[in-house]
Each structure stands twice: as C-alpha cells, then as structure tokens.
PDB file of N, CA and C in Angstrom:
ATOM      1  N   MET A   1      67.938  60.801  85.215  1.00  0.00           N
ATOM      2  CA  MET A   1      69.340  61.861  85.693  1.00  0.00           C
ATOM      3  C   MET A   1      70.080  62.191  84.173  1.00  0.00           C
ATOM      4  N   ASN A   2      70.286  63.362  84.345  1.00  0.00           N
ATOM      5  CA  ASN A   2      71.445  64.163  83.233  1.00  0.00           C
ATOM      6  C   ASN A   2      72.373  63.767  82.660  1.00  0.00           C
ATOM      7  N   LYS A   3      73.144  63.891  81.496  1.00  0.00           N
ATOM      8  CA  LYS A   3      74.001  63.511  81.337  1.00  0.00           C
ATOM      9  C   LYS A   3      75.208  63.952  81.919  1.00  0.00           C
ATOM     10  N   LEU A   4      75.582  64.809  82.472  1.00  0.00           N
ATOM     11  CA  LEU A   4      76.708  65.440  83.122  1.00  0.00           C
ATOM     12  C   LEU A   4      76.311  64.375  84.716  1.00  0.00           C
ATOM     13  N   ALA A   5      75.507  64.044  85.249  1.00  0.00           N
ATOM     14  CA  ALA A   5      75.252  62.875  86.685  1.00  0.00           C
ATOM     15  C   ALA A   5      75.710  61.548  86.097  1.00  0.00           C
ATOM     16  N   LYS A   6      75.059  61.295  84.754  1.00  0.00           N
ATOM     17  CA  LYS A   6      75.529  60.088  84.700  1.00  0.00           C
ATOM     18  C   LYS A   6      77.241  59.743  83.875  1.00  0.00           C
ATOM     19  N   LEU A   7      77.745  60.513  83.392  1.00  0.00           N
ATOM     20  CA  LEU A   7      78.780  60.595  83.137  1.00  0.00           C
ATOM     21  C   LEU A   7      79.711  60.614  84.275  1.00  0.00           C
ATOM     22  N   ILE A   8      79.634  61.524  85.159  1.00  0.00           N
ATOM     23  CA  ILE A   8      80.401  61.540  86.654  1.00  0.00           C
ATOM     24  C   ILE A   8      80.046  60.403  87.475  1.00  0.00           C
ATOM     25  N   SER A   9      79.109  59.971  87.387  1.00  0.00           N
ATOM     26  CA  SER A   9      78.917  58.289  87.872  1.00  0.00           C
ATOM     27  C   SER A   9      79.681  57.160  87.161  1.00  0.00           C
ATOM     28  N   GLU A  10      80.174  57.378  85.945  1.00  0.00           N
ATOM     29  CA  GLU A  10      80.608  56.188  85.548  1.00  0.00           C
ATOM     30  C   GLU A  10      82.733  56.460  85.244  1.00  0.00           C
ATOM     31  N   LEU A  11      82.683  57.867  86.063  1.00  0.00           N
ATOM     32  CA  LEU A  11      84.292  58.136  86.269  1.00  0.00           C
ATOM     33  C   LEU A  11      85.058  57.675  87.221  1.00  0.00           C
ATOM     34  N   SER A  12      86.103  57.250  87.440  1.00  0.00           N
ATOM     35  CA  SER A  12      86.870  56.507  88.564  1.00  0.00           C
ATOM     36  C   SER A  12      86.947  57.204  89.510  1.00  0.00           C
ATOM     37  N   LEU A  13      87.398  56.992  90.699  1.00  0.00           N
ATOM     38  CA  LEU A  13      87.784  57.856  92.079  1.00  0.00           C
ATOM     39  C   LEU A  13      88.996  58.836  91.518  1.00  0.00           C
ATOM     40  N   GLU A  14      89.839  58.519  90.638  1.00  0.00           N
ATOM     41  CA  GLU A  14      91.001  59.251  90.328  1.00  0.00           C
ATOM     42  C   GLU A  14      90.461  60.642  89.114  1.00  0.00           C
ATOM     43  N   GLU A  15      89.525  60.210  88.623  1.00  0.00           N
ATOM     44  CA  GLU A  15      89.352  60.693  87.727  1.00  0.00           C
ATOM     45  C   GLU A  15      88.109  62.018  87.974  1.00  0.00           C
ATOM     46  N   VAL A  16      87.539  61.602  89.228  1.00  0.00           N
ATOM     47  CA  VAL A  16      86.792  62.483  90.032  1.00  0.00           C
ATOM     48  C   VAL A  16      87.504  63.516  90.491  1.00  0.00           C
ATOM     49  N   ARG A  17      88.468  63.148  90.988  1.00  0.00           N
ATOM     50  CA  ARG A  17      89.608  63.745  91.702  1.00  0.00           C
ATOM     51  C   ARG A  17      90.138  64.801  90.878  1.00  0.00           C
ATOM     52  N   LEU A  18      90.182  64.797  89.605  1.00  0.00           N
ATOM     53  CA  LEU A  18      90.975  65.321  88.575  1.00  0.00           C
ATOM     54  C   LEU A  18      89.648  66.345  87.948  1.00  0.00           C
ATOM     55  N   VAL A  19      88.483  65.964  88.104  1.00  0.00           N
ATOM     56  CA  VAL A  19      87.517  67.206  87.572  1.00  0.00           C
ATOM     57  C   VAL A  19      87.244  68.033  88.685  1.00  0.00           C
ATOM     58  N   LYS A  20      87.427  67.824  89.958  1.00  0.00           N
ATOM     59  CA  LYS A  20      87.309  68.414  91.280  1.00  0.00           C
ATOM     60  C   LYS A  20      88.301  69.694  91.153  1.00  0.00           C
ATOM     61  N   LYS A  21      89.529  69.123  90.715  1.00  0.00           N
ATOM     62  CA  LYS A  21      90.923  69.910  90.596  1.00  0.00           C
ATOM     63  C   LYS A  21      90.319  70.983  89.515  1.00  0.00           C
ATOM     64  N   ASP A  22      89.662  70.468  88.574  1.00  0.00           N
ATOM     65  CA  ASP A  22      89.632  71.384  87.001  1.00  0.00           C
ATOM     66  C   ASP A  22      88.467  72.569  87.751  1.00  0.00           C
ATOM     67  N   LEU A  23      87.524  71.880  88.110  1.00  0.00           N
ATOM     68  CA  LEU A  23      86.298  72.493  89.027  1.00  0.00           C
ATOM     69  C   LEU A  23      87.093  74.072  89.830  1.00  0.00           C
ATOM     70  N   ASP A  24      87.855  73.044  90.696  1.00  0.00           N
ATOM     71  CA  ASP A  24      87.910  74.448  91.550  1.00  0.00           C
ATOM     72  C   ASP A  24      89.141  75.404  91.157  1.00  0.00           C
ATOM     73  N   SER A  25      89.230  75.208  90.222  1.00  0.00           N
ATOM     74  CA  SER A  25      90.320  75.986  89.183  1.00  0.00           C
ATOM     75  C   SER A  25      89.720  76.807  88.260  1.00  0.00           C
ATOM     76  N   GLY A  26      88.905  76.570  88.029  1.00  0.00           N
ATOM     77  CA  GLY A  26      87.878  77.480  87.225  1.00  0.00           C
ATOM     78  C   GLY A  26      88.009  77.087  85.413  1.00  0.00           C
ATOM     79  N   ASN A  27      88.848  76.149  85.572  1.00  0.00           N
ATOM     80  CA  ASN A  27      89.017  75.337  84.001  1.00  0.00           C
ATOM     81  C   ASN A  27      87.195  74.990  83.291  1.00  0.00           C
ATOM     82  N   ILE A  28      86.696  74.368  84.071  1.00  0.00           N
ATOM     83  CA  ILE A  28      85.264  73.918  83.172  1.00  0.00           C
ATOM     84  C   ILE A  28      84.413  75.064  83.156  1.00  0.00           C
ATOM     85  N   ASN A  29      84.230  76.145  84.319  1.00  0.00           N
ATOM     86  CA  ASN A  29      83.652  77.461  83.852  1.00  0.00           C
ATOM     87  C   ASN A  29      84.307  78.053  82.537  1.00  0.00           C
ATOM     88  N   LYS A  30      85.382  77.964  82.408  1.00  0.00           N
ATOM     89  CA  LYS A  30      86.117  78.633  81.333  1.00  0.00           C
ATOM     90  C   LYS A  30      85.741  77.834  80.308  1.00  0.00           C
ATOM     91  N   LEU A  31      85.871  76.602  80.019  1.00  0.00           N
ATOM     92  CA  LEU A  31      85.278  75.518  79.250  1.00  0.00           C
ATOM     93  C   LEU A  31      83.838  75.801  78.473  1.00  0.00           C
ATOM     94  N   VAL A  32      82.676  76.218  79.741  1.00  0.00           N
ATOM     95  CA  VAL A  32      81.278  76.061  79.344  1.00  0.00           C
ATOM     96  C   VAL A  32      81.182  77.632  78.914  1.00  0.00           C
ATOM     97  N   GLU A  33      81.668  78.839  78.940  1.00  0.00           N
ATOM     98  CA  GLU A  33      81.463  79.618  78.561  1.00  0.00           C
ATOM     99  C   GLU A  33      82.400  79.851  77.221  1.00  0.00           C
ATOM    100  N   LYS A  34      83.467  79.320  77.043  1.00  0.00           N
ATOM    101  CA  LYS A  34      83.717  79.129  75.542  1.00  0.00           C
ATOM    102  C   LYS A  34      82.722  78.483  74.353  1.00  0.00           C
ATOM    103  N   LYS A  35      82.169  77.635  75.383  1.00  0.00           N
ATOM    104  CA  LYS A  35      81.083  76.881  74.249  1.00  0.00           C
ATOM    105  C   LYS A  35      80.390  77.731  73.916  1.00  0.00           C
ATOM    106  N   LEU A  36      79.540  78.394  75.022  1.00  0.00           N
ATOM    107  CA  LEU A  36      78.293  79.250  75.221  1.00  0.00           C
ATOM    108  C   LEU A  36      78.877  80.332  74.000  1.00  0.00           C
ATOM    109  N   SER A  37      79.990  81.134  74.020  1.00  0.00           N
ATOM    110  CA  SER A  37      80.212  82.236  73.505  1.00  0.00           C
ATOM    111  C   SER A  37      80.354  81.788  72.154  1.00  0.00           C
ATOM    112  N   SER A  38      80.674  80.536  71.774  1.00  0.00           N
ATOM    113  CA  SER A  38      81.235  79.976  70.020  1.00  0.00           C
ATOM    114  C   SER A  38      79.674  79.982  69.765  1.00  0.00           C
ATOM    115  N   GLU A  39      78.394  79.773  70.364  1.00  0.00           N
ATOM    116  CA  GLU A  39      77.653  79.007  69.693  1.00  0.00           C
ATOM    117  C   GLU A  39      76.682  80.646  69.400  1.00  0.00           C
ATOM    118  N   LYS A  40      76.837  81.791  70.582  1.00  0.00           N
ATOM    119  CA  LYS A  40      76.057  82.766  70.323  1.00  0.00           C
ATOM    120  C   LYS A  40      76.310  83.561  68.783  1.00  0.00           C
ATOM    121  N   GLY A  41      75.185  83.991  68.201  1.00  0.00           N
ATOM    122  CA  GLY A  41      74.738  84.649  67.463  1.00  0.00           C
ATOM    123  C   GLY A  41      74.738  83.834  65.897  1.00  0.00           C
ATOM    124  N   LYS A  42      74.870  82.631  66.449  1.00  0.00           N
ATOM    125  CA  LYS A  42      74.309  81.582  65.284  1.00  0.00           C
ATOM    126  C   LYS A  42      73.016  80.869  65.675  1.00  0.00           C
ATOM    127  N   GLU A  43      72.119  81.369  66.416  1.00  0.00           N
ATOM    128  CA  GLU A  43      70.867  81.276  66.243  1.00  0.00           C
ATOM    129  C   GLU A  43      69.996  81.778  65.126  1.00  0.00           C
ATOM    130  N   THR A  44      69.187  80.829  64.782  1.00  0.00           N
ATOM    131  CA  THR A  44      68.517  81.355  63.206  1.00  0.00           C
ATOM    132  C   THR A  44      66.998  81.745  63.305  1.00  0.00           C
ATOM    133  N   SER A  45      66.462  82.549  62.536  1.00  0.00           N
ATOM    134  CA  SER A  45      64.843  82.533  63.130  1.00  0.00           C
ATOM    135  C   SER A  45      64.675  82.123  60.990  1.00  0.00           C
ATOM    136  N   VAL A  46      63.596  82.395  60.682  1.00  0.00           N
ATOM    137  CA  VAL A  46      62.955  82.581  59.371  1.00  0.00           C
ATOM    138  C   VAL A  46      61.804  83.964  59.182  1.00  0.00           C
ATOM    139  N   CYS A  47      62.340  84.866  58.181  1.00  0.00           N
ATOM    140  CA  CYS A  47      61.711  85.956  57.881  1.00  0.00           C
ATOM    141  C   CYS A  47      60.006  85.472  57.684  1.00  0.00           C
ATOM    142  N   PRO A  48      59.031  85.739  58.150  1.00  0.00           N
ATOM    143  CA  PRO A  48      57.778  85.456  58.032  1.00  0.00           C
ATOM    144  C   PRO A  48      57.200  85.962  56.622  1.00  0.00           C
ATOM    145  N   VAL A  49      58.344  86.760  56.270  1.00  0.00           N
ATOM    146  CA  VAL A  49      57.473  87.778  54.692  1.00  0.00           C
ATOM    147  C   VAL A  49      58.037  86.657  53.385  1.00  0.00           C
ATOM    148  N   CYS A  50      59.089  86.898  53.729  1.00  0.00           N
ATOM    149  CA  CYS A  50      60.134  86.259  52.461  1.00  0.00           C
ATOM    150  C   CYS A  50      60.754  85.026  52.734  1.00  0.00           C
ATOM    151  N   GLY A  51      60.829  84.259  53.731  1.00  0.00           N
ATOM    152  CA  GLY A  51      61.321  83.235  54.126  1.00  0.00           C
ATOM    153  C   GLY A  51      62.686  83.094  54.006  1.00  0.00           C
ATOM    154  N   MET A  52      63.547  84.249  54.588  1.00  0.00           N
ATOM    155  CA  MET A  52      64.877  84.529  54.403  1.00  0.00           C
ATOM    156  C   MET A  52      65.594  83.655  55.472  1.00  0.00           C
ATOM    157  N   VAL A  53      66.590  82.919  55.819  1.00  0.00           N
ATOM    158  CA  VAL A  53      67.357  83.037  57.070  1.00  0.00           C
ATOM    159  C   VAL A  53      68.039  83.943  57.796  1.00  0.00           C
ATOM    160  N   VAL A  54      67.180  84.757  58.802  1.00  0.00           N
ATOM    161  CA  VAL A  54      68.011  85.747  59.633  1.00  0.00           C
ATOM    162  C   VAL A  54      68.848  85.012  60.985  1.00  0.00           C
ATOM    163  N   ARG A  55      69.772  85.625  61.005  1.00  0.00           N
ATOM    164  CA  ARG A  55      70.309  85.517  62.657  1.00  0.00           C
ATOM    165  C   ARG A  55      69.811  86.542  63.306  1.00  0.00           C
ATOM    166  N   ARG A  56      69.169  85.765  64.481  1.00  0.00           N
ATOM    167  CA  ARG A  56      68.795  86.578  65.456  1.00  0.00           C
ATOM    168  C   ARG A  56      69.344  88.035  65.951  1.00  0.00           C
ATOM    169  N   ASP A  57      70.565  88.133  65.982  1.00  0.00           N
ATOM    170  CA  ASP A  57      71.204  88.784  66.266  1.00  0.00           C
ATOM    171  C   ASP A  57      71.527  90.173  65.620  1.00  0.00           C
ATOM    172  N   SER A  58      70.671  90.134  64.225  1.00  0.00           N
ATOM    173  CA  SER A  58      71.042  90.601  62.969  1.00  0.00           C
ATOM    174  C   SER A  58      69.827  90.973  62.554  1.00  0.00           C
ATOM    175  N   GLY A  59      69.533  91.924  61.330  1.00  0.00           N
ATOM    176  CA  GLY A  59      68.029  92.147  61.023  1.00  0.00           C
ATOM    177  C   GLY A  59      67.151  92.914  61.964  1.00  0.00           C
ATOM    178  N   PHE A  60      65.758  92.938  62.037  1.00  0.00           N
ATOM    179  CA  PHE A  60      64.675  93.843  62.762  1.00  0.00           C
ATOM    180  C   PHE A  60      63.988  92.721  63.301  1.00  0.00           C
ATOM    181  N   TYR A  61      63.477  92.963  64.687  1.00  0.00           N
ATOM    182  CA  TYR A  61      62.414  92.284  65.125  1.00  0.00           C
ATOM    183  C   TYR A  61      61.117  92.961  65.468  1.00  0.00           C
ATOM    184  N   LEU A  62      60.412  92.367  65.579  1.00  0.00           N
ATOM    185  CA  LEU A  62      59.114  93.051  66.357  1.00  0.00           C
ATOM    186  C   LEU A  62      58.303  91.631  66.952  1.00  0.00           C
ATOM    187  N   GLU A  63      58.404  92.592  68.536  1.00  0.00           N
ATOM    188  CA  GLU A  63      57.828  91.723  69.550  1.00  0.00           C
ATOM    189  C   GLU A  63      56.516  92.134  69.932  1.00  0.00           C
ATOM    190  N   PHE A  64      55.400  91.089  69.750  1.00  0.00           N
ATOM    191  CA  PHE A  64      53.934  91.271  70.219  1.00  0.00           C
ATOM    192  C   PHE A  64      53.598  90.345  70.979  1.00  0.00           C
ATOM    193  N   GLY A  65      51.868  90.774  71.535  1.00  0.00           N
ATOM    194  CA  GLY A  65      51.475  89.840  72.328  1.00  0.00           C
ATOM    195  C   GLY A  65      51.103  90.312  73.771  1.00  0.00           C
ATOM    196  N   LYS A  66      50.113  89.783  74.440  1.00  0.00           N
ATOM    197  CA  LYS A  66      50.005  90.312  75.638  1.00  0.00           C
ATOM    198  C   LYS A  66      50.475  89.883  76.756  1.00  0.00           C
ATOM    199  N   GLU A  67      49.702  88.493  76.901  1.00  0.00           N
ATOM    200  CA  GLU A  67      50.296  87.275  77.850  1.00  0.00           C
ATOM    201  C   GLU A  67      51.405  86.530  77.403  1.00  0.00           C
ATOM    202  N   ILE A  68      51.306  85.951  76.344  1.00  0.00           N
ATOM    203  CA  ILE A  68      52.363  85.247  75.452  1.00  0.00           C
ATOM    204  C   ILE A  68      53.005  85.932  74.339  1.00  0.00           C
ATOM    205  N   ARG A  69      54.111  86.673  75.125  1.00  0.00           N
ATOM    206  CA  ARG A  69      55.074  87.195  74.084  1.00  0.00           C
ATOM    207  C   ARG A  69      55.674  86.540  72.586  1.00  0.00           C
ATOM    208  N   LYS A  70      55.651  87.293  71.413  1.00  0.00           N
ATOM    209  CA  LYS A  70      55.929  86.299  70.195  1.00  0.00           C
ATOM    210  C   LYS A  70      57.089  87.350  69.728  1.00  0.00           C
ATOM    211  N   LYS A  71      58.428  87.000  68.795  1.00  0.00           N
ATOM    212  CA  LYS A  71      59.233  87.738  68.332  1.00  0.00           C
ATOM    213  C   LYS A  71      59.479  87.133  66.977  1.00  0.00           C
ATOM    214  N   ALA A  72      59.040  88.356  65.933  1.00  0.00           N
ATOM    215  CA  ALA A  72      59.261  87.781  64.325  1.00  0.00           C
ATOM    216  C   ALA A  72      60.339  88.740  64.182  1.00  0.00           C
ATOM    217  N   HIS A  73      61.142  87.826  63.448  1.00  0.00           N
ATOM    218  CA  HIS A  73      62.470  88.430  62.894  1.00  0.00           C
ATOM    219  C   HIS A  73      62.591  88.721  61.266  1.00  0.00           C
ATOM    220  N   PHE A  74      62.702  89.866  60.886  1.00  0.00           N
ATOM    221  CA  PHE A  74      62.844  90.479  59.507  1.00  0.00           C
ATOM    222  C   PHE A  74      64.419  90.114  59.179  1.00  0.00           C
ATOM    223  N   ASP A  75      64.274  89.703  57.582  1.00  0.00           N
ATOM    224  CA  ASP A  75      65.457  90.334  57.083  1.00  0.00           C
ATOM    225  C   ASP A  75      65.865  91.516  56.816  1.00  0.00           C
ATOM    226  N   GLU A  76      65.073  92.099  56.256  1.00  0.00           N
ATOM    227  CA  GLU A  76      65.199  93.669  55.710  1.00  0.00           C
ATOM    228  C   GLU A  76      63.964  95.039  56.550  1.00  0.00           C
ATOM    229  N   LEU A  77      64.091  95.981  56.306  1.00  0.00           N
ATOM    230  CA  LEU A  77      63.102  97.166  56.831  1.00  0.00           C
ATOM    231  C   LEU A  77      61.539  96.906  55.932  1.00  0.00           C
ATOM    232  N   ASP A  78      62.333  96.507  54.678  1.00  0.00           N
ATOM    233  CA  ASP A  78      60.837  96.347  53.537  1.00  0.00           C
ATOM    234  C   ASP A  78      59.651  94.967  53.923  1.00  0.00           C
ATOM    235  N   CYS A  79      60.974  94.174  54.411  1.00  0.00           N
ATOM    236  CA  CYS A  79      59.587  93.010  55.107  1.00  0.00           C
ATOM    237  C   CYS A  79      59.069  93.118  56.285  1.00  0.00           C
ATOM    238  N   LEU A  80      59.573  93.971  57.254  1.00  0.00           N
ATOM    239  CA  LEU A  80      59.154  94.791  58.410  1.00  0.00           C
ATOM    240  C   LEU A  80      58.100  95.227  57.756  1.00  0.00           C
ATOM    241  N   LYS A  81      57.945  96.440  57.335  1.00  0.00           N
ATOM    242  CA  LYS A  81      57.350  97.447  56.845  1.00  0.00           C
ATOM    243  C   LYS A  81      55.727  96.655  56.284  1.00  0.00           C
ATOM    244  N   TYR A  82      56.202  95.617  55.485  1.00  0.00           N
ATOM    245  CA  TYR A  82      55.160  94.951  54.726  1.00  0.00           C
ATOM    246  C   TYR A  82      54.398  94.068  55.692  1.00  0.00           C
ATOM    247  N   PHE A  83      54.778  93.690  56.695  1.00  0.00           N
ATOM    248  CA  PHE A  83      54.173  92.881  57.763  1.00  0.00           C
ATOM    249  C   PHE A  83      53.207  93.556  58.345  1.00  0.00           C
ATOM    250  N   LEU A  84      53.819  94.986  59.052  1.00  0.00           N
ATOM    251  CA  LEU A  84      52.849  95.911  59.448  1.00  0.00           C
ATOM    252  C   LEU A  84      51.694  96.449  58.568  1.00  0.00           C
ATOM    253  N   ASP A  85      52.241  96.446  57.930  1.00  0.00           N
ATOM    254  CA  ASP A  85      50.890  97.099  56.892  1.00  0.00           C
ATOM    255  C   ASP A  85      49.742  95.769  56.419  1.00  0.00           C
ATOM    256  N   LYS A  86      50.144  94.666  56.484  1.00  0.00           N
ATOM    257  CA  LYS A  86      48.909  93.665  56.556  1.00  0.00           C
ATOM    258  C   LYS A  86      48.085  93.510  57.637  1.00  0.00           C
ATOM    259  N   ILE A  87      49.118  93.492  58.818  1.00  0.00           N
ATOM    260  CA  ILE A  87      48.369  93.234  59.969  1.00  0.00           C
ATOM    261  C   ILE A  87      47.318  94.315  60.614  1.00  0.00           C
ATOM    262  N   LYS A  88      47.314  95.679  60.198  1.00  0.00           N
ATOM    263  CA  LYS A  88      46.607  96.514  59.972  1.00  0.00           C
ATOM    264  C   LYS A  88      45.047  96.539  60.121  1.00  0.00           C
TER     265      LYS A  88
END
C-alpha cells in the first residue's frame, strides 16, 4: 500500500471530509504542483569528463544509444568536445 493510501486509511471521517473538500476545490492539486515546481531544476548529474556537478537544466548534454537511450551531461563545451574526441 502506498503512503497516501495508508495515510487516508488512518484519518477520521471528519478529516477525510476535509481532504475531499480540498480535493474538490483544487487545493491538493495546487500543493502538488507547487512541490513539483520547487524541485524542478534541482536535479543534478556529474560531468563524465571533469567530475563537476551539473544541473540537468543547464550546460550541455549528449543523448546516445539505439535501444537503450542514455544522456551524458557536461558542464562546459570543452568537456563535451573532449568526450566526443575520445569516442571517435
């Protein structure tokens, strides 16, 4: 059972009614969207050339592979160029 289902099963009937009211008014959706947007852009990766931490929404990335697609994130263009030169 997931955490939300367990949480709901432990609520009193009055608390479930309040949750239903928030659900119907869109407040729960707003809370979920707010949490997701606050976490967006914080995902990081490591540059395979220099080892620097790279935010996935910045820098450069290379997507490769046929059946299984992989992404490599690079902090600067020189790391991407170095990586491409080495795989030739």
